[in-house]
Amino acid sequence: MKSSSVKYGTRFGCRFGQPHDFVLIRDNKSFKVERCKICNIRRKYNKGYKARVDNVQYLKDHVRNYAQPTGSTKRVYNKTYQPSKCKIVL
């Protein structure tokens, strides 16, 4: 049986290793186009059965929007929303 869990690394593809911050450009019944506010990269998500996009790739690209203070996305949450907790002070 294939595991459907998503693994998040430390580099997310946008500037300085931050996660992308996408804004919707176009959405219709066959595809969805979004652009990152930070680096202006465009992503196109083709819609399949019942007009749904690939869930795993969509979650990896939108990890900033779905990050929570606990669980598998806590590192992303702290890096994005609470950077003072990520610094080591000696």
PDB file of N, CA and C in Angstrom:
ATOM      1  N   MET A   1       0.840  -1.169   0.000  1.00  0.00           N
ATOM      2  CA  MET A   1       0.000   0.000   0.000  1.00  0.00           C
ATOM      3  C   MET A   1       0.891   1.241   0.000  1.00  0.00           C
ATOM      4  N   LYS A   2       0.586   2.192  -0.837  1.00  0.00           N
ATOM      5  CA  LYS A   2       1.375   3.406  -0.980  1.00  0.00           C
ATOM      6  C   LYS A   2       0.983   4.431   0.080  1.00  0.00           C
ATOM      7  N   SER A   3       1.990   5.030   0.716  1.00  0.00           N
ATOM      8  CA  SER A   3       1.730   6.043   1.724  1.00  0.00           C
ATOM      9  C   SER A   3       1.415   7.372   1.047  1.00  0.00           C
ATOM     10  N   SER A   4       0.416   8.076   1.538  1.00  0.00           N
ATOM     11  CA  SER A   4       0.020   9.339   0.929  1.00  0.00           C
ATOM     12  C   SER A   4       0.478  10.542   1.748  1.00  0.00           C
ATOM     13  N   SER A   5       1.396  10.322   2.698  1.00  0.00           N
ATOM     14  CA  SER A   5       1.856  11.445   3.513  1.00  0.00           C
ATOM     15  C   SER A   5       2.784  12.338   2.698  1.00  0.00           C
ATOM     16  N   VAL A   6       2.785  13.606   3.037  1.00  0.00           N
ATOM     17  CA  VAL A   6       3.584  14.601   2.329  1.00  0.00           C
ATOM     18  C   VAL A   6       4.780  14.943   3.194  1.00  0.00           C
ATOM     19  N   LYS A   7       5.980  14.921   2.612  1.00  0.00           N
ATOM     20  CA  LYS A   7       7.195  15.269   3.337  1.00  0.00           C
ATOM     21  C   LYS A   7       7.591  16.689   2.970  1.00  0.00           C
ATOM     22  N   TYR A   8       7.856  17.510   3.965  1.00  0.00           N
ATOM     23  CA  TYR A   8       8.258  18.891   3.754  1.00  0.00           C
ATOM     24  C   TYR A   8       9.719  19.037   4.134  1.00  0.00           C
ATOM     25  N   GLY A   9      10.513  19.573   3.225  1.00  0.00           N
ATOM     26  CA  GLY A   9      11.931  19.788   3.487  1.00  0.00           C
ATOM     27  C   GLY A   9      12.161  21.136   4.141  1.00  0.00           C
ATOM     28  N   THR A  10      13.372  21.678   3.957  1.00  0.00           N
ATOM     29  CA  THR A  10      13.694  22.967   4.548  1.00  0.00           C
ATOM     30  C   THR A  10      13.754  24.071   3.509  1.00  0.00           C
ATOM     31  N   ARG A  11      13.828  23.726   2.226  1.00  0.00           N
ATOM     32  CA  ARG A  11      13.832  24.716   1.149  1.00  0.00           C
ATOM     33  C   ARG A  11      12.548  24.533   0.353  1.00  0.00           C
ATOM     34  N   PHE A  12      11.826  25.633   0.138  1.00  0.00           N
ATOM     35  CA  PHE A  12      10.507  25.526  -0.483  1.00  0.00           C
ATOM     36  C   PHE A  12      10.413  26.127  -1.869  1.00  0.00           C
ATOM     37  N   GLY A  13      11.509  26.610  -2.425  1.00  0.00           N
ATOM     38  CA  GLY A  13      11.503  27.035  -3.808  1.00  0.00           C
ATOM     39  C   GLY A  13      11.372  28.517  -4.058  1.00  0.00           C
ATOM     40  N   CYS A  14      10.945  29.277  -3.082  1.00  0.00           N
ATOM     41  CA  CYS A  14      10.839  30.713  -3.274  1.00  0.00           C
ATOM     42  C   CYS A  14      12.124  31.377  -2.759  1.00  0.00           C
ATOM     43  N   ARG A  15      12.154  32.679  -2.740  1.00  0.00           N
ATOM     44  CA  ARG A  15      13.357  33.390  -2.304  1.00  0.00           C
ATOM     45  C   ARG A  15      13.727  33.050  -0.868  1.00  0.00           C
ATOM     46  N   PHE A  16      15.006  32.869  -0.628  1.00  0.00           N
ATOM     47  CA  PHE A  16      15.579  32.605   0.691  1.00  0.00           C
ATOM     48  C   PHE A  16      15.010  31.345   1.339  1.00  0.00           C
ATOM     49  N   GLY A  17      14.540  30.410   0.533  1.00  0.00           N
ATOM     50  CA  GLY A  17      14.016  29.154   1.052  1.00  0.00           C
ATOM     51  C   GLY A  17      12.633  29.238   1.660  1.00  0.00           C
ATOM     52  N   GLN A  18      11.956  30.360   1.490  1.00  0.00           N
ATOM     53  CA  GLN A  18      10.614  30.531   2.039  1.00  0.00           C
ATOM     54  C   GLN A  18       9.581  29.825   1.162  1.00  0.00           C
ATOM     55  N   PRO A  19       8.420  29.485   1.713  1.00  0.00           N
ATOM     56  CA  PRO A  19       7.352  28.910   0.894  1.00  0.00           C
ATOM     57  C   PRO A  19       6.716  29.960  -0.008  1.00  0.00           C
ATOM     58  N   HIS A  20       6.187  29.524  -1.122  1.00  0.00           N
ATOM     59  CA  HIS A  20       5.512  30.428  -2.054  1.00  0.00           C
ATOM     60  C   HIS A  20       4.241  31.000  -1.426  1.00  0.00           C
ATOM     61  N   ASP A  21       3.844  32.177  -1.900  1.00  0.00           N
ATOM     62  CA  ASP A  21       2.597  32.818  -1.471  1.00  0.00           C
ATOM     63  C   ASP A  21       1.784  33.082  -2.732  1.00  0.00           C
ATOM     64  N   PHE A  22       0.934  32.129  -3.103  1.00  0.00           N
ATOM     65  CA  PHE A  22       0.235  32.171  -4.378  1.00  0.00           C
ATOM     66  C   PHE A  22      -1.033  33.003  -4.330  1.00  0.00           C
ATOM     67  N   VAL A  23      -1.333  33.634  -5.473  1.00  0.00           N
ATOM     68  CA  VAL A  23      -2.584  34.346  -5.688  1.00  0.00           C
ATOM     69  C   VAL A  23      -3.207  33.786  -6.971  1.00  0.00           C
ATOM     70  N   LEU A  24      -4.511  33.625  -6.973  1.00  0.00           N
ATOM     71  CA  LEU A  24      -5.224  33.031  -8.098  1.00  0.00           C
ATOM     72  C   LEU A  24      -5.295  34.003  -9.267  1.00  0.00           C
ATOM     73  N   ILE A  25      -4.924  33.517 -10.454  1.00  0.00           N
ATOM     74  CA  ILE A  25      -5.011  34.321 -11.674  1.00  0.00           C
ATOM     75  C   ILE A  25      -6.220  33.894 -12.502  1.00  0.00           C
ATOM     76  N   ARG A  26      -6.329  32.595 -12.734  1.00  0.00           N
ATOM     77  CA  ARG A  26      -7.421  32.088 -13.569  1.00  0.00           C
ATOM     78  C   ARG A  26      -7.861  30.730 -13.063  1.00  0.00           C
ATOM     79  N   ASP A  27      -9.161  30.510 -13.092  1.00  0.00           N
ATOM     80  CA  ASP A  27      -9.724  29.243 -12.649  1.00  0.00           C
ATOM     81  C   ASP A  27     -10.917  28.912 -13.532  1.00  0.00           C
ATOM     82  N   ASN A  28     -10.851  27.772 -14.206  1.00  0.00           N
ATOM     83  CA  ASN A  28     -12.000  27.306 -14.982  1.00  0.00           C
ATOM     84  C   ASN A  28     -12.155  25.807 -14.766  1.00  0.00           C
ATOM     85  N   LYS A  29     -12.986  25.146 -15.552  1.00  0.00           N
ATOM     86  CA  LYS A  29     -13.280  23.747 -15.273  1.00  0.00           C
ATOM     87  C   LYS A  29     -12.161  22.788 -15.664  1.00  0.00           C
ATOM     88  N   SER A  30     -11.165  23.231 -16.443  1.00  0.00           N
ATOM     89  CA  SER A  30     -10.106  22.305 -16.853  1.00  0.00           C
ATOM     90  C   SER A  30      -8.740  22.594 -16.242  1.00  0.00           C
ATOM     91  N   PHE A  31      -8.500  23.801 -15.741  1.00  0.00           N
ATOM     92  CA  PHE A  31      -7.221  24.099 -15.103  1.00  0.00           C
ATOM     93  C   PHE A  31      -7.335  25.309 -14.177  1.00  0.00           C
ATOM     94  N   LYS A  32      -6.281  25.486 -13.376  1.00  0.00           N
ATOM     95  CA  LYS A  32      -6.184  26.602 -12.432  1.00  0.00           C
ATOM     96  C   LYS A  32      -4.775  27.169 -12.557  1.00  0.00           C
ATOM     97  N   VAL A  33      -4.656  28.497 -12.667  1.00  0.00           N
ATOM     98  CA  VAL A  33      -3.353  29.159 -12.796  1.00  0.00           C
ATOM     99  C   VAL A  33      -3.179  30.104 -11.614  1.00  0.00           C
ATOM    100  N   GLU A  34      -2.008  30.006 -10.959  1.00  0.00           N
ATOM    101  CA  GLU A  34      -1.710  30.856  -9.820  1.00  0.00           C
ATOM    102  C   GLU A  34      -0.311  31.447  -9.973  1.00  0.00           C
ATOM    103  N   ARG A  35      -0.079  32.610  -9.327  1.00  0.00           N
ATOM    104  CA  ARG A  35       1.221  33.285  -9.389  1.00  0.00           C
ATOM    105  C   ARG A  35       1.675  33.592  -7.969  1.00  0.00           C
ATOM    106  N   CYS A  36       2.981  33.404  -7.721  1.00  0.00           N
ATOM    107  CA  CYS A  36       3.548  33.710  -6.414  1.00  0.00           C
ATOM    108  C   CYS A  36       3.743  35.219  -6.293  1.00  0.00           C
ATOM    109  N   LYS A  37       3.321  35.800  -5.166  1.00  0.00           N
ATOM    110  CA  LYS A  37       3.475  37.232  -4.932  1.00  0.00           C
ATOM    111  C   LYS A  37       4.935  37.622  -4.735  1.00  0.00           C
ATOM    112  N   ILE A  38       5.755  36.703  -4.268  1.00  0.00           N
ATOM    113  CA  ILE A  38       7.136  37.012  -3.925  1.00  0.00           C
ATOM    114  C   ILE A  38       8.064  36.900  -5.129  1.00  0.00           C
ATOM    115  N   CYS A  39       8.026  35.762  -5.827  1.00  0.00           N
ATOM    116  CA  CYS A  39       8.983  35.521  -6.916  1.00  0.00           C
ATOM    117  C   CYS A  39       8.355  35.524  -8.310  1.00  0.00           C
ATOM    118  N   ASN A  40       7.048  35.737  -8.415  1.00  0.00           N
ATOM    119  CA  ASN A  40       6.312  35.826  -9.686  1.00  0.00           C
ATOM    120  C   ASN A  40       6.347  34.557 -10.528  1.00  0.00           C
ATOM    121  N   ILE A  41       6.607  33.409  -9.939  1.00  0.00           N
ATOM    122  CA  ILE A  41       6.546  32.152 -10.684  1.00  0.00           C
ATOM    123  C   ILE A  41       5.072  31.782 -10.868  1.00  0.00           C
ATOM    124  N   ARG A  42       4.759  31.208 -12.009  1.00  0.00           N
ATOM    125  CA  ARG A  42       3.382  30.789 -12.295  1.00  0.00           C
ATOM    126  C   ARG A  42       3.299  29.273 -12.241  1.00  0.00           C
ATOM    127  N   ARG A  43       2.209  28.774 -11.686  1.00  0.00           N
ATOM    128  CA  ARG A  43       1.957  27.346 -11.638  1.00  0.00           C
ATOM    129  C   ARG A  43       0.590  27.071 -12.234  1.00  0.00           C
ATOM    130  N   LYS A  44       0.535  26.045 -13.059  1.00  0.00           N
ATOM    131  CA  LYS A  44      -0.718  25.629 -13.671  1.00  0.00           C
ATOM    132  C   LYS A  44      -1.065  24.251 -13.137  1.00  0.00           C
ATOM    133  N   TYR A  45      -2.252  24.110 -12.610  1.00  0.00           N
ATOM    134  CA  TYR A  45      -2.737  22.839 -12.079  1.00  0.00           C
ATOM    135  C   TYR A  45      -3.873  22.357 -12.960  1.00  0.00           C
ATOM    136  N   ASN A  46      -3.663  21.254 -13.657  1.00  0.00           N
ATOM    137  CA  ASN A  46      -4.717  20.656 -14.474  1.00  0.00           C
ATOM    138  C   ASN A  46      -5.721  19.968 -13.570  1.00  0.00           C
ATOM    139  N   LYS A  47      -6.981  20.112 -13.918  1.00  0.00           N
ATOM    140  CA  LYS A  47      -8.040  19.496 -13.133  1.00  0.00           C
ATOM    141  C   LYS A  47      -8.438  18.183 -13.787  1.00  0.00           C
ATOM    142  N   GLY A  48      -8.668  17.202 -12.956  1.00  0.00           N
ATOM    143  CA  GLY A  48      -9.042  15.884 -13.455  1.00  0.00           C
ATOM    144  C   GLY A  48     -10.475  15.562 -13.118  1.00  0.00           C
ATOM    145  N   TYR A  49     -10.664  14.374 -12.589  1.00  0.00           N
ATOM    146  CA  TYR A  49     -11.978  13.862 -12.238  1.00  0.00           C
ATOM    147  C   TYR A  49     -12.662  14.778 -11.231  1.00  0.00           C
ATOM    148  N   LYS A  50     -13.898  15.136 -11.491  1.00  0.00           N
ATOM    149  CA  LYS A  50     -14.707  16.031 -10.656  1.00  0.00           C
ATOM    150  C   LYS A  50     -14.042  17.388 -10.449  1.00  0.00           C
ATOM    151  N   ALA A  51     -13.268  17.847 -11.434  1.00  0.00           N
ATOM    152  CA  ALA A  51     -12.624  19.169 -11.433  1.00  0.00           C
ATOM    153  C   ALA A  51     -11.735  19.379 -10.211  1.00  0.00           C
ATOM    154  N   ARG A  52     -10.913  18.356  -9.884  1.00  0.00           N
ATOM    155  CA  ARG A  52     -10.007  18.439  -8.745  1.00  0.00           C
ATOM    156  C   ARG A  52      -8.564  18.444  -9.227  1.00  0.00           C
ATOM    157  N   VAL A  53      -7.708  19.197  -8.532  1.00  0.00           N
ATOM    158  CA  VAL A  53      -6.286  19.254  -8.863  1.00  0.00           C
ATOM    159  C   VAL A  53      -5.555  18.157  -8.104  1.00  0.00           C
ATOM    160  N   ASP A  54      -4.276  17.922  -8.481  1.00  0.00           N
ATOM    161  CA  ASP A  54      -3.444  16.934  -7.801  1.00  0.00           C
ATOM    162  C   ASP A  54      -3.208  17.407  -6.365  1.00  0.00           C
ATOM    163  N   ASN A  55      -3.745  16.681  -5.400  1.00  0.00           N
ATOM    164  CA  ASN A  55      -3.747  17.122  -4.016  1.00  0.00           C
ATOM    165  C   ASN A  55      -2.345  17.217  -3.419  1.00  0.00           C
ATOM    166  N   VAL A  56      -1.469  16.259  -3.677  1.00  0.00           N
ATOM    167  CA  VAL A  56      -0.136  16.243  -3.077  1.00  0.00           C
ATOM    168  C   VAL A  56       0.689  17.423  -3.577  1.00  0.00           C
ATOM    169  N   GLN A  57       0.712  17.654  -4.877  1.00  0.00           N
ATOM    170  CA  GLN A  57       1.485  18.777  -5.420  1.00  0.00           C
ATOM    171  C   GLN A  57       0.897  20.109  -4.962  1.00  0.00           C
ATOM    172  N   TYR A  58      -0.407  20.218  -4.898  1.00  0.00           N
ATOM    173  CA  TYR A  58      -1.055  21.456  -4.466  1.00  0.00           C
ATOM    174  C   TYR A  58      -0.702  21.771  -3.011  1.00  0.00           C
ATOM    175  N   LEU A  59      -0.702  20.762  -2.149  1.00  0.00           N
ATOM    176  CA  LEU A  59      -0.356  20.969  -0.746  1.00  0.00           C
ATOM    177  C   LEU A  59       1.114  21.351  -0.575  1.00  0.00           C
ATOM    178  N   LYS A  60       2.002  20.767  -1.356  1.00  0.00           N
ATOM    179  CA  LYS A  60       3.416  21.131  -1.281  1.00  0.00           C
ATOM    180  C   LYS A  60       3.627  22.576  -1.700  1.00  0.00           C
ATOM    181  N   ASP A  61       2.921  23.017  -2.721  1.00  0.00           N
ATOM    182  CA  ASP A  61       3.068  24.391  -3.201  1.00  0.00           C
ATOM    183  C   ASP A  61       2.411  25.401  -2.265  1.00  0.00           C
ATOM    184  N   HIS A  62       1.351  25.011  -1.563  1.00  0.00           N
ATOM    185  CA  HIS A  62       0.597  25.922  -0.700  1.00  0.00           C
ATOM    186  C   HIS A  62       0.816  25.627   0.782  1.00  0.00           C
ATOM    187  N   VAL A  63       2.004  25.168   1.129  1.00  0.00           N
ATOM    188  CA  VAL A  63       2.289  24.804   2.513  1.00  0.00           C
ATOM    189  C   VAL A  63       2.201  26.024   3.429  1.00  0.00           C
ATOM    190  N   ARG A  64       2.474  27.206   2.930  1.00  0.00           N
ATOM    191  CA  ARG A  64       2.358  28.437   3.734  1.00  0.00           C
ATOM    192  C   ARG A  64       0.916  28.636   4.198  1.00  0.00           C
ATOM    193  N   ASN A  65      -0.038  28.351   3.351  1.00  0.00           N
ATOM    194  CA  ASN A  65      -1.446  28.570   3.672  1.00  0.00           C
ATOM    195  C   ASN A  65      -1.992  27.535   4.656  1.00  0.00           C
ATOM    196  N   TYR A  66      -1.422  26.321   4.636  1.00  0.00           N
ATOM    197  CA  TYR A  66      -1.952  25.234   5.457  1.00  0.00           C
ATOM    198  C   TYR A  66      -1.076  24.904   6.654  1.00  0.00           C
ATOM    199  N   ALA A  67      -0.022  25.670   6.922  1.00  0.00           N
ATOM    200  CA  ALA A  67       0.878  25.401   8.043  1.00  0.00           C
ATOM    201  C   ALA A  67       0.178  25.645   9.372  1.00  0.00           C
ATOM    202  N   GLN A  68       0.478  24.770  10.347  1.00  0.00           N
ATOM    203  CA  GLN A  68      -0.112  24.870  11.676  1.00  0.00           C
ATOM    204  C   GLN A  68       0.990  24.810  12.729  1.00  0.00           C
ATOM    205  N   PRO A  69       0.739  25.341  13.935  1.00  0.00           N
ATOM    206  CA  PRO A  69       1.786  25.376  14.953  1.00  0.00           C
ATOM    207  C   PRO A  69       2.217  24.007  15.468  1.00  0.00           C
ATOM    208  N   THR A  70       1.427  22.973  15.230  1.00  0.00           N
ATOM    209  CA  THR A  70       1.814  21.621  15.638  1.00  0.00           C
ATOM    210  C   THR A  70       1.691  20.695  14.442  1.00  0.00           C
ATOM    211  N   GLY A  71       2.295  19.542  14.532  1.00  0.00           N
ATOM    212  CA  GLY A  71       2.193  18.553  13.468  1.00  0.00           C
ATOM    213  C   GLY A  71       3.365  18.620  12.506  1.00  0.00           C
ATOM    214  N   SER A  72       3.165  18.079  11.309  1.00  0.00           N
ATOM    215  CA  SER A  72       4.252  17.978  10.342  1.00  0.00           C
ATOM    216  C   SER A  72       4.642  19.310   9.725  1.00  0.00           C
ATOM    217  N   THR A  73       3.821  20.343   9.874  1.00  0.00           N
ATOM    218  CA  THR A  73       4.132  21.644   9.290  1.00  0.00           C
ATOM    219  C   THR A  73       4.547  22.681  10.333  1.00  0.00           C
ATOM    220  N   LYS A  74       4.915  22.249  11.545  1.00  0.00           N
ATOM    221  CA  LYS A  74       5.263  23.212  12.586  1.00  0.00           C
ATOM    222  C   LYS A  74       6.548  23.963  12.265  1.00  0.00           C
ATOM    223  N   ARG A  75       7.502  23.319  11.598  1.00  0.00           N
ATOM    224  CA  ARG A  75       8.739  24.000  11.204  1.00  0.00           C
ATOM    225  C   ARG A  75       8.454  25.100  10.187  1.00  0.00           C
ATOM    226  N   VAL A  76       7.587  24.821   9.246  1.00  0.00           N
ATOM    227  CA  VAL A  76       7.203  25.809   8.237  1.00  0.00           C
ATOM    228  C   VAL A  76       6.465  26.972   8.897  1.00  0.00           C
ATOM    229  N   TYR A  77       5.567  26.663   9.821  1.00  0.00           N
ATOM    230  CA  TYR A  77       4.803  27.694  10.519  1.00  0.00           C
ATOM    231  C   TYR A  77       5.726  28.639  11.285  1.00  0.00           C
ATOM    232  N   ASN A  78       6.658  28.070  12.046  1.00  0.00           N
ATOM    233  CA  ASN A  78       7.568  28.904  12.826  1.00  0.00           C
ATOM    234  C   ASN A  78       8.496  29.716  11.931  1.00  0.00           C
ATOM    235  N   LYS A  79       8.963  29.133  10.848  1.00  0.00           N
ATOM    236  CA  LYS A  79       9.858  29.843   9.933  1.00  0.00           C
ATOM    237  C   LYS A  79       9.138  31.005   9.254  1.00  0.00           C
ATOM    238  N   THR A  80       7.862  30.835   8.960  1.00  0.00           N
ATOM    239  CA  THR A  80       7.104  31.837   8.233  1.00  0.00           C
ATOM    240  C   THR A  80       6.487  32.890   9.148  1.00  0.00           C
ATOM    241  N   TYR A  81       5.812  32.460  10.209  1.00  0.00           N
ATOM    242  CA  TYR A  81       5.017  33.370  11.017  1.00  0.00           C
ATOM    243  C   TYR A  81       5.661  33.768  12.351  1.00  0.00           C
ATOM    244  N   GLN A  82       6.622  32.968  12.847  1.00  0.00           N
ATOM    245  CA  GLN A  82       7.294  33.286  14.103  1.00  0.00           C
ATOM    246  C   GLN A  82       8.807  33.080  13.959  1.00  0.00           C
ATOM    247  N   PRO A  83       9.483  33.883  13.136  1.00  0.00           N
ATOM    248  CA  PRO A  83      10.919  33.651  12.903  1.00  0.00           C
ATOM    249  C   PRO A  83      11.782  33.885  14.127  1.00  0.00           C
ATOM    250  N   SER A  84      11.294  34.609  15.122  1.00  0.00           N
ATOM    251  CA  SER A  84      12.095  34.836  16.323  1.00  0.00           C
ATOM    252  C   SER A  84      12.287  33.547  17.120  1.00  0.00           C
ATOM    253  N   LYS A  85      11.383  32.587  16.991  1.00  0.00           N
ATOM    254  CA  LYS A  85      11.523  31.297  17.683  1.00  0.00           C
ATOM    255  C   LYS A  85      12.542  30.387  17.002  1.00  0.00           C
ATOM    256  N   CYS A  86      12.912  30.698  15.758  1.00  0.00           N
ATOM    257  CA  CYS A  86      13.839  29.845  15.007  1.00  0.00           C
ATOM    258  C   CYS A  86      15.292  30.240  15.196  1.00  0.00           C
ATOM    259  N   LYS A  87      15.559  31.403  15.797  1.00  0.00           N
ATOM    260  CA  LYS A  87      16.917  31.873  15.969  1.00  0.00           C
ATOM    261  C   LYS A  87      17.525  31.322  17.251  1.00  0.00           C
ATOM    262  N   ILE A  88      18.796  30.926  17.152  1.00  0.00           N
ATOM    263  CA  ILE A  88      19.516  30.436  18.317  1.00  0.00           C
ATOM    264  C   ILE A  88      20.343  31.595  18.857  1.00  0.00           C
ATOM    265  N   VAL A  89      20.078  31.985  20.081  1.00  0.00           N
ATOM    266  CA  VAL A  89      20.787  33.103  20.701  1.00  0.00           C
ATOM    267  C   VAL A  89      21.776  32.534  21.713  1.00  0.00           C
ATOM    268  N   LEU A  90      23.010  32.908  21.573  1.00  0.00           N
ATOM    269  CA  LEU A  90      24.037  32.423  22.515  1.00  0.00           C
ATOM    270  C   LEU A  90      24.392  33.486  23.521  1.00  0.00           C
TER     271      LEU A  90
END
